[in-house]
């Protein structure tokens, strides 16, 4: 498992950008922890560019940032990632629209039959309200649950700011999953 996206085992340099910690819990509909759940993330670099040959955004690729990681939740359903805050990037399906900074999440586990996919946004980002992807979500409460809260108690002084993002698998408080909109 590799939950430290700051460390690049292929190169010696550090990635460019604001270092962050993303942590939270995977919970069932009764707020009970779901242990041993595989949580994967992928994201753009600090300039808003994915490390993918089809990404043609003009921001440079950061050679010291891979952009993906994975970890298992512990017995309390907790997970943690260390990464850089991704940048916003233009949404090419529209003339002048931007995706807010976000991190993609993929969740696998024995408590559910299919991989669940969602996105996490950052508290206070003014681009969230105008995001064409977010605007497809009909329930404002579901959108609010996709916004990670700043968590100053989990920061590493002089190194990383922290954001908390809990993932609820089912029920009325369920996280909005892109591949399961009917179950949200």
N, C-alpha and C. Protein backbone atom coordinates (compact mmCIF):
# COMPACT_ATOMS: atom_id res chain seq x y z
N UNK A 1 0.85 -1.18 0.00
CA UNK A 1 0.00 0.00 0.00
C UNK A 1 0.89 1.24 0.00
N UNK A 2 0.43 2.26 -0.66
CA UNK A 2 1.21 3.49 -0.75
C UNK A 2 0.30 4.68 -0.55
N UNK A 3 0.26 5.18 0.67
CA UNK A 3 -0.61 6.31 0.97
C UNK A 3 0.15 7.63 1.07
N UNK A 4 1.45 7.61 0.75
CA UNK A 4 2.26 8.83 0.79
C UNK A 4 2.61 9.24 -0.63
N UNK A 5 1.83 10.14 -1.20
CA UNK A 5 2.05 10.59 -2.57
C UNK A 5 3.16 11.63 -2.66
N UNK A 6 3.64 12.10 -1.51
CA UNK A 6 4.77 13.04 -1.48
C UNK A 6 6.06 12.30 -1.83
N UNK A 7 6.17 11.09 -1.34
CA UNK A 7 7.38 10.29 -1.57
C UNK A 7 7.30 9.66 -2.96
N UNK A 8 8.35 9.87 -3.71
CA UNK A 8 8.44 9.30 -5.05
C UNK A 8 9.62 8.34 -5.05
N UNK A 9 9.33 7.07 -5.15
CA UNK A 9 10.38 6.06 -5.05
C UNK A 9 11.23 5.98 -6.31
N UNK A 10 10.78 6.58 -7.42
CA UNK A 10 11.53 6.54 -8.67
C UNK A 10 12.46 7.73 -8.83
N UNK A 11 12.22 8.81 -8.09
CA UNK A 11 13.03 10.03 -8.22
C UNK A 11 13.37 10.56 -6.84
N UNK A 12 14.36 11.44 -6.79
CA UNK A 12 14.81 11.96 -5.50
C UNK A 12 14.15 13.27 -5.09
N UNK A 13 13.50 13.99 -6.00
CA UNK A 13 12.93 15.29 -5.67
C UNK A 13 11.56 15.22 -5.03
N UNK A 14 11.14 16.34 -4.46
CA UNK A 14 9.81 16.47 -3.87
C UNK A 14 8.85 17.09 -4.87
N UNK A 15 7.57 16.75 -4.80
CA UNK A 15 6.60 17.38 -5.69
C UNK A 15 6.40 18.86 -5.33
N UNK A 16 5.96 19.62 -6.30
CA UNK A 16 5.66 21.03 -6.10
C UNK A 16 4.25 21.15 -5.56
N UNK A 17 4.04 22.08 -4.63
CA UNK A 17 2.69 22.36 -4.17
C UNK A 17 2.52 22.31 -2.67
N UNK A 18 1.34 22.73 -2.26
CA UNK A 18 0.97 22.74 -0.85
C UNK A 18 0.77 21.31 -0.36
N UNK A 19 1.53 20.92 0.64
CA UNK A 19 1.40 19.57 1.20
C UNK A 19 0.14 19.49 2.06
N UNK A 20 -0.58 18.41 1.88
CA UNK A 20 -1.80 18.21 2.66
C UNK A 20 -1.89 16.77 3.15
N UNK A 21 -2.70 16.61 4.18
CA UNK A 21 -3.08 15.29 4.68
C UNK A 21 -4.59 15.18 4.46
N UNK A 22 -5.01 14.09 3.86
CA UNK A 22 -6.43 13.81 3.69
C UNK A 22 -6.71 12.57 4.53
N UNK A 23 -7.62 12.70 5.48
CA UNK A 23 -7.93 11.56 6.35
C UNK A 23 -9.42 11.51 6.61
N UNK A 24 -9.85 10.36 7.08
CA UNK A 24 -11.26 10.19 7.41
C UNK A 24 -11.55 8.76 7.77
N UNK A 25 -12.82 8.43 7.75
CA UNK A 25 -13.26 7.08 8.09
C UNK A 25 -14.23 6.59 7.03
N UNK A 26 -14.23 5.29 6.82
CA UNK A 26 -15.25 4.64 6.00
C UNK A 26 -16.24 4.04 6.99
N UNK A 27 -17.52 4.44 6.83
CA UNK A 27 -18.56 4.07 7.79
C UNK A 27 -19.74 3.43 7.09
N UNK A 28 -20.47 2.58 7.84
CA UNK A 28 -21.71 2.03 7.29
C UNK A 28 -22.87 2.98 7.62
N UNK A 29 -24.08 2.57 7.29
CA UNK A 29 -25.24 3.45 7.48
C UNK A 29 -25.54 3.78 8.93
N UNK A 30 -24.99 2.99 9.87
CA UNK A 30 -25.19 3.24 11.30
C UNK A 30 -23.98 3.89 11.95
N UNK A 31 -23.11 4.48 11.13
CA UNK A 31 -21.89 5.17 11.57
C UNK A 31 -20.89 4.22 12.24
N UNK A 32 -20.98 2.93 11.91
CA UNK A 32 -20.00 1.96 12.40
C UNK A 32 -18.83 1.90 11.43
N UNK A 33 -17.61 1.74 11.95
CA UNK A 33 -16.45 1.67 11.06
C UNK A 33 -16.47 0.44 10.17
N UNK A 34 -15.94 0.59 8.97
CA UNK A 34 -15.81 -0.53 8.03
C UNK A 34 -14.31 -0.78 7.85
N UNK A 35 -13.77 -1.76 8.59
CA UNK A 35 -12.33 -2.03 8.50
C UNK A 35 -11.96 -2.77 7.22
N UNK A 36 -10.66 -2.76 6.92
CA UNK A 36 -10.10 -3.50 5.78
C UNK A 36 -10.74 -3.14 4.45
N UNK A 37 -11.08 -1.88 4.28
CA UNK A 37 -11.62 -1.38 3.02
C UNK A 37 -10.47 -0.75 2.24
N UNK A 38 -10.36 -1.10 0.96
CA UNK A 38 -9.32 -0.51 0.12
C UNK A 38 -9.80 0.85 -0.38
N UNK A 39 -9.03 1.88 -0.06
CA UNK A 39 -9.33 3.24 -0.50
C UNK A 39 -8.22 3.66 -1.46
N UNK A 40 -8.61 4.01 -2.67
CA UNK A 40 -7.64 4.50 -3.67
C UNK A 40 -7.97 5.94 -4.00
N UNK A 41 -6.93 6.73 -4.27
CA UNK A 41 -7.15 8.09 -4.74
C UNK A 41 -6.33 8.33 -6.00
N UNK A 42 -6.81 9.26 -6.83
CA UNK A 42 -6.01 9.78 -7.93
C UNK A 42 -6.39 11.24 -8.11
N UNK A 43 -5.43 12.03 -8.58
CA UNK A 43 -5.64 13.46 -8.60
C UNK A 43 -4.69 14.14 -9.58
N UNK A 44 -5.00 15.40 -9.88
CA UNK A 44 -4.10 16.25 -10.66
C UNK A 44 -2.99 16.76 -9.74
N UNK A 45 -1.93 17.26 -10.34
CA UNK A 45 -0.85 17.85 -9.55
C UNK A 45 -1.26 19.26 -9.10
N UNK A 46 -0.35 19.97 -8.44
CA UNK A 46 -0.66 21.30 -7.91
C UNK A 46 -1.00 22.30 -9.01
N UNK A 47 -0.56 22.05 -10.23
CA UNK A 47 -0.87 22.92 -11.35
C UNK A 47 -2.16 22.57 -12.06
N UNK A 48 -2.82 21.50 -11.64
CA UNK A 48 -4.07 21.09 -12.26
C UNK A 48 -3.90 20.12 -13.43
N UNK A 49 -2.78 19.44 -13.48
CA UNK A 49 -2.51 18.52 -14.60
C UNK A 49 -2.39 17.09 -14.07
N UNK A 50 -3.08 16.18 -14.76
CA UNK A 50 -2.97 14.76 -14.44
C UNK A 50 -1.75 14.18 -15.14
N UNK A 51 -1.19 13.17 -14.55
CA UNK A 51 -0.06 12.48 -15.16
C UNK A 51 -0.63 11.41 -16.10
N UNK A 52 -1.15 11.86 -17.20
CA UNK A 52 -1.80 10.98 -18.16
C UNK A 52 -1.59 11.55 -19.55
N UNK A 53 -1.23 10.73 -20.50
CA UNK A 53 -0.89 11.24 -21.84
C UNK A 53 -2.05 11.94 -22.54
N UNK A 54 -3.29 11.64 -22.14
CA UNK A 54 -4.43 12.30 -22.79
C UNK A 54 -4.76 13.65 -22.16
N UNK A 55 -4.11 13.99 -21.05
CA UNK A 55 -4.34 15.30 -20.44
C UNK A 55 -3.49 16.32 -21.20
N UNK A 56 -4.14 17.23 -21.89
CA UNK A 56 -3.43 18.20 -22.71
C UNK A 56 -3.44 19.61 -22.13
N UNK A 57 -3.85 19.74 -20.87
CA UNK A 57 -3.84 21.06 -20.23
C UNK A 57 -2.42 21.60 -20.24
N UNK A 58 -2.27 22.91 -20.39
CA UNK A 58 -0.95 23.51 -20.57
C UNK A 58 -0.07 23.53 -19.32
N UNK A 59 -0.61 23.25 -18.15
CA UNK A 59 0.22 23.19 -16.95
C UNK A 59 1.26 22.08 -17.10
N UNK A 60 2.46 22.28 -16.56
CA UNK A 60 3.49 21.25 -16.72
C UNK A 60 3.21 20.02 -15.85
N UNK A 61 3.71 18.90 -16.31
CA UNK A 61 3.69 17.68 -15.50
C UNK A 61 4.77 17.82 -14.44
N UNK A 62 4.46 17.46 -13.23
CA UNK A 62 5.45 17.47 -12.15
C UNK A 62 6.15 16.11 -12.15
N UNK A 63 7.43 16.05 -12.50
CA UNK A 63 8.11 14.76 -12.59
C UNK A 63 8.25 14.05 -11.24
N UNK A 64 8.01 14.78 -10.16
CA UNK A 64 8.14 14.20 -8.82
C UNK A 64 6.80 13.86 -8.18
N UNK A 65 5.74 13.86 -9.00
CA UNK A 65 4.42 13.56 -8.44
C UNK A 65 3.70 12.55 -9.32
N UNK A 66 3.38 11.40 -8.76
CA UNK A 66 2.69 10.35 -9.50
C UNK A 66 1.20 10.52 -9.58
N UNK A 67 0.58 11.05 -8.51
CA UNK A 67 -0.83 11.37 -8.53
C UNK A 67 -1.79 10.28 -8.13
N UNK A 68 -1.31 9.16 -7.60
CA UNK A 68 -2.25 8.12 -7.16
C UNK A 68 -1.67 7.37 -5.97
N UNK A 69 -2.57 6.82 -5.16
CA UNK A 69 -2.15 6.06 -3.99
C UNK A 69 -3.29 5.19 -3.50
N UNK A 70 -2.97 4.31 -2.57
CA UNK A 70 -3.99 3.42 -2.00
C UNK A 70 -3.59 3.02 -0.59
N UNK A 71 -4.60 2.68 0.19
CA UNK A 71 -4.39 2.23 1.56
C UNK A 71 -5.59 1.42 2.01
N UNK A 72 -5.43 0.69 3.09
CA UNK A 72 -6.54 -0.05 3.72
C UNK A 72 -6.97 0.67 4.98
N UNK A 73 -8.27 0.66 5.25
CA UNK A 73 -8.74 1.23 6.51
C UNK A 73 -8.34 0.32 7.66
N UNK A 74 -8.12 0.93 8.82
CA UNK A 74 -7.77 0.15 10.01
C UNK A 74 -9.04 -0.36 10.69
N UNK A 75 -8.92 -0.89 11.89
CA UNK A 75 -10.07 -1.47 12.61
C UNK A 75 -11.15 -0.43 12.93
N UNK A 76 -10.77 0.84 12.99
CA UNK A 76 -11.73 1.91 13.25
C UNK A 76 -12.27 2.53 11.96
N UNK A 77 -11.92 1.92 10.82
CA UNK A 77 -12.38 2.43 9.53
C UNK A 77 -11.60 3.64 9.05
N UNK A 78 -10.48 3.95 9.70
CA UNK A 78 -9.70 5.15 9.38
C UNK A 78 -8.74 4.92 8.22
N UNK A 79 -8.56 5.97 7.43
CA UNK A 79 -7.57 5.98 6.36
C UNK A 79 -6.85 7.33 6.42
N UNK A 80 -5.67 7.39 5.81
CA UNK A 80 -4.93 8.65 5.73
C UNK A 80 -4.06 8.64 4.47
N UNK A 81 -3.99 9.79 3.81
CA UNK A 81 -3.11 10.00 2.67
C UNK A 81 -2.32 11.29 2.90
N UNK A 82 -1.09 11.29 2.44
CA UNK A 82 -0.26 12.49 2.42
C UNK A 82 -0.01 12.81 0.95
N UNK A 83 -0.32 14.04 0.53
CA UNK A 83 -0.25 14.39 -0.88
C UNK A 83 -0.04 15.89 -1.04
N UNK A 84 -0.23 16.40 -2.24
CA UNK A 84 -0.25 17.84 -2.47
C UNK A 84 -1.66 18.24 -2.88
N UNK A 85 -2.02 19.47 -2.56
CA UNK A 85 -3.35 19.93 -2.94
C UNK A 85 -3.39 20.09 -4.45
N UNK A 86 -4.36 19.43 -5.10
CA UNK A 86 -4.44 19.53 -6.56
C UNK A 86 -4.91 20.92 -6.99
N UNK A 87 -4.52 21.29 -8.20
CA UNK A 87 -4.96 22.57 -8.75
C UNK A 87 -6.24 22.42 -9.55
N UNK A 88 -6.91 23.54 -9.75
CA UNK A 88 -8.09 23.57 -10.63
C UNK A 88 -7.61 23.46 -12.07
N UNK A 89 -8.52 23.04 -12.94
CA UNK A 89 -8.17 22.96 -14.36
C UNK A 89 -9.41 23.23 -15.21
N UNK A 90 -9.21 23.63 -16.47
CA UNK A 90 -10.36 23.96 -17.32
C UNK A 90 -11.14 22.72 -17.72
N UNK A 91 -12.45 22.89 -17.77
CA UNK A 91 -13.36 21.84 -18.21
C UNK A 91 -13.60 22.07 -19.69
N UNK A 92 -13.05 21.24 -20.52
CA UNK A 92 -13.03 21.48 -21.96
C UNK A 92 -14.38 21.31 -22.65
N UNK A 93 -15.37 20.78 -21.98
CA UNK A 93 -16.69 20.63 -22.60
C UNK A 93 -17.46 21.95 -22.63
N UNK A 94 -16.96 22.96 -21.96
CA UNK A 94 -17.61 24.26 -21.90
C UNK A 94 -16.60 25.32 -22.34
N UNK A 95 -17.10 26.49 -22.68
CA UNK A 95 -16.22 27.55 -23.17
C UNK A 95 -15.28 28.05 -22.09
N UNK A 96 -15.80 28.41 -20.93
CA UNK A 96 -14.96 28.94 -19.86
C UNK A 96 -15.46 28.40 -18.52
N UNK A 97 -15.15 27.16 -18.26
CA UNK A 97 -15.55 26.55 -17.00
C UNK A 97 -14.37 25.80 -16.43
N UNK A 98 -14.29 25.77 -15.12
CA UNK A 98 -13.16 25.15 -14.44
C UNK A 98 -13.64 24.13 -13.43
N UNK A 99 -12.92 23.03 -13.34
CA UNK A 99 -13.15 22.07 -12.26
C UNK A 99 -12.43 22.58 -11.03
N UNK A 100 -13.08 22.57 -9.86
CA UNK A 100 -12.40 22.96 -8.64
C UNK A 100 -11.35 21.92 -8.25
N UNK A 101 -10.48 22.29 -7.35
CA UNK A 101 -9.52 21.32 -6.82
C UNK A 101 -10.31 20.15 -6.25
N UNK A 102 -9.92 18.93 -6.60
CA UNK A 102 -10.64 17.75 -6.11
C UNK A 102 -9.73 16.53 -6.16
N UNK A 103 -10.11 15.53 -5.41
CA UNK A 103 -9.42 14.24 -5.40
C UNK A 103 -10.47 13.17 -5.67
N UNK A 104 -10.16 12.27 -6.58
CA UNK A 104 -11.04 11.15 -6.89
C UNK A 104 -10.79 10.04 -5.87
N UNK A 105 -11.87 9.40 -5.43
CA UNK A 105 -11.79 8.27 -4.50
C UNK A 105 -12.45 7.06 -5.12
N UNK A 106 -11.84 5.91 -4.90
CA UNK A 106 -12.41 4.63 -5.29
C UNK A 106 -12.35 3.74 -4.06
N UNK A 107 -13.47 3.12 -3.71
CA UNK A 107 -13.56 2.34 -2.47
C UNK A 107 -13.99 0.92 -2.82
N UNK A 108 -13.22 -0.06 -2.33
CA UNK A 108 -13.52 -1.49 -2.52
C UNK A 108 -13.60 -2.14 -1.15
N UNK A 109 -14.53 -3.10 -0.98
CA UNK A 109 -14.57 -3.81 0.29
C UNK A 109 -15.52 -4.99 0.26
N UNK A 110 -15.41 -5.81 1.28
CA UNK A 110 -16.26 -7.00 1.36
C UNK A 110 -17.68 -6.65 1.82
N UNK A 111 -17.89 -5.44 2.32
CA UNK A 111 -19.21 -5.03 2.80
C UNK A 111 -20.14 -4.58 1.68
N UNK A 112 -19.63 -4.52 0.45
CA UNK A 112 -20.44 -4.08 -0.69
C UNK A 112 -19.94 -4.76 -1.95
N UNK A 113 -20.83 -4.90 -2.93
CA UNK A 113 -20.57 -5.76 -4.09
C UNK A 113 -19.80 -5.08 -5.21
N UNK A 114 -19.79 -3.76 -5.28
CA UNK A 114 -19.11 -3.10 -6.40
C UNK A 114 -18.20 -1.98 -5.91
N UNK A 115 -17.24 -1.64 -6.72
CA UNK A 115 -16.35 -0.51 -6.46
C UNK A 115 -17.20 0.76 -6.45
N UNK A 116 -16.96 1.63 -5.49
CA UNK A 116 -17.69 2.89 -5.37
C UNK A 116 -16.75 4.04 -5.69
N UNK A 117 -17.21 4.98 -6.50
CA UNK A 117 -16.37 6.08 -6.96
C UNK A 117 -17.02 7.41 -6.57
N UNK A 118 -16.20 8.31 -6.02
CA UNK A 118 -16.69 9.63 -5.65
C UNK A 118 -15.56 10.64 -5.82
N UNK A 119 -15.84 11.89 -5.52
CA UNK A 119 -14.84 12.95 -5.56
C UNK A 119 -14.95 13.77 -4.29
N UNK A 120 -13.80 14.23 -3.81
CA UNK A 120 -13.73 15.08 -2.62
C UNK A 120 -13.29 16.47 -3.05
N UNK A 121 -13.99 17.48 -2.54
CA UNK A 121 -13.65 18.87 -2.82
C UNK A 121 -13.15 19.52 -1.54
N UNK A 122 -12.62 20.72 -1.64
CA UNK A 122 -12.01 21.40 -0.50
C UNK A 122 -12.87 22.55 -0.02
N UNK A 123 -13.05 22.59 1.30
CA UNK A 123 -13.83 23.63 1.95
C UNK A 123 -13.38 25.02 1.48
N UNK A 124 -14.35 25.86 1.13
CA UNK A 124 -14.06 27.24 0.77
C UNK A 124 -13.71 27.48 -0.69
N UNK A 125 -13.67 26.45 -1.52
CA UNK A 125 -13.31 26.63 -2.92
C UNK A 125 -14.48 27.26 -3.68
N UNK A 126 -14.32 28.47 -4.22
CA UNK A 126 -15.43 29.14 -4.90
C UNK A 126 -15.84 28.49 -6.22
N UNK A 127 -15.01 27.61 -6.76
CA UNK A 127 -15.35 26.96 -8.03
C UNK A 127 -16.34 25.81 -7.88
N UNK A 128 -16.56 25.34 -6.65
CA UNK A 128 -17.46 24.20 -6.44
C UNK A 128 -18.86 24.49 -6.98
N UNK A 129 -19.40 25.65 -6.65
CA UNK A 129 -20.78 25.99 -7.04
C UNK A 129 -20.98 26.04 -8.55
N UNK A 130 -19.93 26.30 -9.30
CA UNK A 130 -20.04 26.41 -10.76
C UNK A 130 -19.55 25.17 -11.50
N UNK A 131 -19.08 24.18 -10.79
CA UNK A 131 -18.51 22.99 -11.42
C UNK A 131 -19.59 22.21 -12.18
N UNK A 132 -19.37 21.91 -13.45
CA UNK A 132 -20.38 21.19 -14.24
C UNK A 132 -20.66 19.79 -13.72
N UNK A 133 -19.69 19.15 -13.09
CA UNK A 133 -19.90 17.81 -12.51
C UNK A 133 -20.76 17.94 -11.25
N UNK A 134 -20.39 18.85 -10.37
CA UNK A 134 -21.14 19.05 -9.12
C UNK A 134 -22.58 19.45 -9.42
N UNK A 135 -22.78 20.25 -10.44
CA UNK A 135 -24.13 20.74 -10.75
C UNK A 135 -25.07 19.63 -11.23
N UNK A 136 -24.55 18.44 -11.51
CA UNK A 136 -25.42 17.31 -11.87
C UNK A 136 -25.99 16.61 -10.64
N UNK A 137 -25.50 16.95 -9.46
CA UNK A 137 -25.96 16.32 -8.22
C UNK A 137 -27.18 17.10 -7.73
N UNK A 138 -28.36 16.45 -7.67
CA UNK A 138 -29.59 17.18 -7.37
C UNK A 138 -29.77 17.60 -5.91
N UNK A 139 -29.10 16.93 -4.98
CA UNK A 139 -29.33 17.18 -3.56
C UNK A 139 -28.19 18.03 -2.97
N UNK A 140 -28.48 19.25 -2.50
CA UNK A 140 -27.43 20.10 -1.92
C UNK A 140 -26.73 19.46 -0.72
N UNK A 141 -27.47 18.63 0.05
CA UNK A 141 -26.83 17.95 1.18
C UNK A 141 -25.79 16.95 0.70
N UNK A 142 -26.05 16.30 -0.42
CA UNK A 142 -25.08 15.36 -0.98
C UNK A 142 -23.82 16.10 -1.41
N UNK A 143 -23.99 17.28 -1.97
CA UNK A 143 -22.83 18.09 -2.35
C UNK A 143 -22.03 18.48 -1.12
N UNK A 144 -22.71 18.91 -0.06
CA UNK A 144 -22.02 19.29 1.17
C UNK A 144 -21.17 18.15 1.72
N UNK A 145 -21.66 16.92 1.58
CA UNK A 145 -20.92 15.76 2.10
C UNK A 145 -19.66 15.47 1.28
N UNK A 146 -19.56 16.03 0.09
CA UNK A 146 -18.37 15.83 -0.75
C UNK A 146 -17.28 16.85 -0.47
N UNK A 147 -17.56 17.80 0.41
CA UNK A 147 -16.61 18.86 0.72
C UNK A 147 -15.87 18.51 2.01
N UNK A 148 -14.56 18.35 1.89
CA UNK A 148 -13.73 18.00 3.05
C UNK A 148 -13.53 19.23 3.92
N UNK A 149 -13.65 19.02 5.22
CA UNK A 149 -13.48 20.11 6.18
C UNK A 149 -12.01 20.27 6.54
N UNK A 150 -11.57 21.51 6.64
CA UNK A 150 -10.24 21.80 7.15
C UNK A 150 -10.14 21.25 8.56
N UNK A 151 -9.06 20.54 8.88
CA UNK A 151 -8.90 19.93 10.20
C UNK A 151 -7.54 20.34 10.77
N UNK A 152 -7.53 21.49 11.45
CA UNK A 152 -6.27 22.00 11.98
C UNK A 152 -5.67 21.09 13.05
N UNK A 153 -6.49 20.28 13.70
CA UNK A 153 -5.98 19.36 14.73
C UNK A 153 -5.13 18.24 14.14
N UNK A 154 -5.27 17.96 12.86
CA UNK A 154 -4.52 16.87 12.24
C UNK A 154 -3.36 17.37 11.36
N UNK A 155 -3.12 18.67 11.37
CA UNK A 155 -2.01 19.19 10.56
C UNK A 155 -0.67 18.78 11.14
N UNK A 156 0.34 18.82 10.30
CA UNK A 156 1.72 18.64 10.75
C UNK A 156 2.35 20.02 10.70
N UNK A 157 2.68 20.61 11.84
CA UNK A 157 3.21 21.97 11.85
C UNK A 157 4.39 22.14 10.89
N UNK A 158 4.36 23.24 10.16
CA UNK A 158 5.40 23.61 9.20
C UNK A 158 5.57 22.60 8.06
N UNK A 159 4.57 21.72 7.86
CA UNK A 159 4.68 20.73 6.79
C UNK A 159 3.39 20.57 6.00
N UNK A 160 2.31 20.16 6.65
CA UNK A 160 1.09 19.79 5.92
C UNK A 160 -0.16 20.26 6.64
N UNK A 161 -1.10 20.80 5.88
CA UNK A 161 -2.43 21.15 6.37
C UNK A 161 -3.31 19.90 6.20
N UNK A 162 -4.34 19.74 6.99
CA UNK A 162 -5.14 18.52 6.93
C UNK A 162 -6.61 18.81 6.60
N UNK A 163 -7.22 17.84 5.92
CA UNK A 163 -8.64 17.88 5.57
C UNK A 163 -9.25 16.55 5.95
N UNK A 164 -10.48 16.61 6.51
CA UNK A 164 -11.17 15.39 6.92
C UNK A 164 -12.33 15.10 5.97
N UNK A 165 -12.37 13.84 5.49
CA UNK A 165 -13.40 13.42 4.54
C UNK A 165 -13.86 12.02 4.89
N UNK A 166 -15.04 11.92 5.53
CA UNK A 166 -15.62 10.62 5.86
C UNK A 166 -16.43 10.11 4.67
N UNK A 167 -16.41 8.80 4.49
CA UNK A 167 -17.14 8.15 3.41
C UNK A 167 -18.18 7.23 4.04
N UNK A 168 -19.46 7.50 3.78
CA UNK A 168 -20.55 6.69 4.32
C UNK A 168 -21.10 5.85 3.18
N UNK A 169 -21.11 4.53 3.35
CA UNK A 169 -21.42 3.61 2.26
C UNK A 169 -22.88 3.53 1.87
N UNK A 170 -23.79 3.63 2.84
CA UNK A 170 -25.21 3.43 2.57
C UNK A 170 -26.05 4.33 3.46
N UNK A 171 -27.35 4.34 3.20
CA UNK A 171 -28.29 5.02 4.08
C UNK A 171 -28.53 6.47 3.71
N UNK A 172 -29.29 7.15 4.56
CA UNK A 172 -29.66 8.54 4.30
C UNK A 172 -28.46 9.48 4.30
N UNK A 173 -27.42 9.15 5.03
CA UNK A 173 -26.22 9.98 5.08
C UNK A 173 -25.15 9.50 4.12
N UNK A 174 -25.52 8.65 3.17
CA UNK A 174 -24.57 8.07 2.23
C UNK A 174 -23.83 9.14 1.43
N UNK A 175 -22.55 8.89 1.23
CA UNK A 175 -21.76 9.71 0.32
C UNK A 175 -22.32 9.54 -1.09
N UNK A 176 -22.29 10.59 -1.88
CA UNK A 176 -22.75 10.51 -3.27
C UNK A 176 -21.69 9.77 -4.08
N UNK A 177 -22.07 8.66 -4.69
CA UNK A 177 -21.16 7.88 -5.52
C UNK A 177 -21.58 8.03 -6.97
N UNK A 178 -20.62 8.37 -7.82
CA UNK A 178 -20.90 8.63 -9.24
C UNK A 178 -21.48 7.43 -9.96
N UNK A 179 -21.05 6.25 -9.58
CA UNK A 179 -21.51 5.05 -10.27
C UNK A 179 -22.71 4.40 -9.58
N UNK A 180 -23.30 5.08 -8.60
CA UNK A 180 -24.47 4.56 -7.91
C UNK A 180 -25.43 5.70 -7.54
N UNK A 181 -25.76 6.58 -8.49
CA UNK A 181 -26.61 7.72 -8.12
C UNK A 181 -27.99 7.31 -7.62
N UNK A 182 -28.50 6.17 -8.09
CA UNK A 182 -29.83 5.74 -7.64
C UNK A 182 -29.82 5.27 -6.20
N UNK A 183 -28.65 4.92 -5.68
CA UNK A 183 -28.56 4.44 -4.31
C UNK A 183 -28.15 5.50 -3.33
N UNK A 184 -28.10 6.73 -3.75
CA UNK A 184 -27.67 7.81 -2.86
C UNK A 184 -28.86 8.50 -2.24
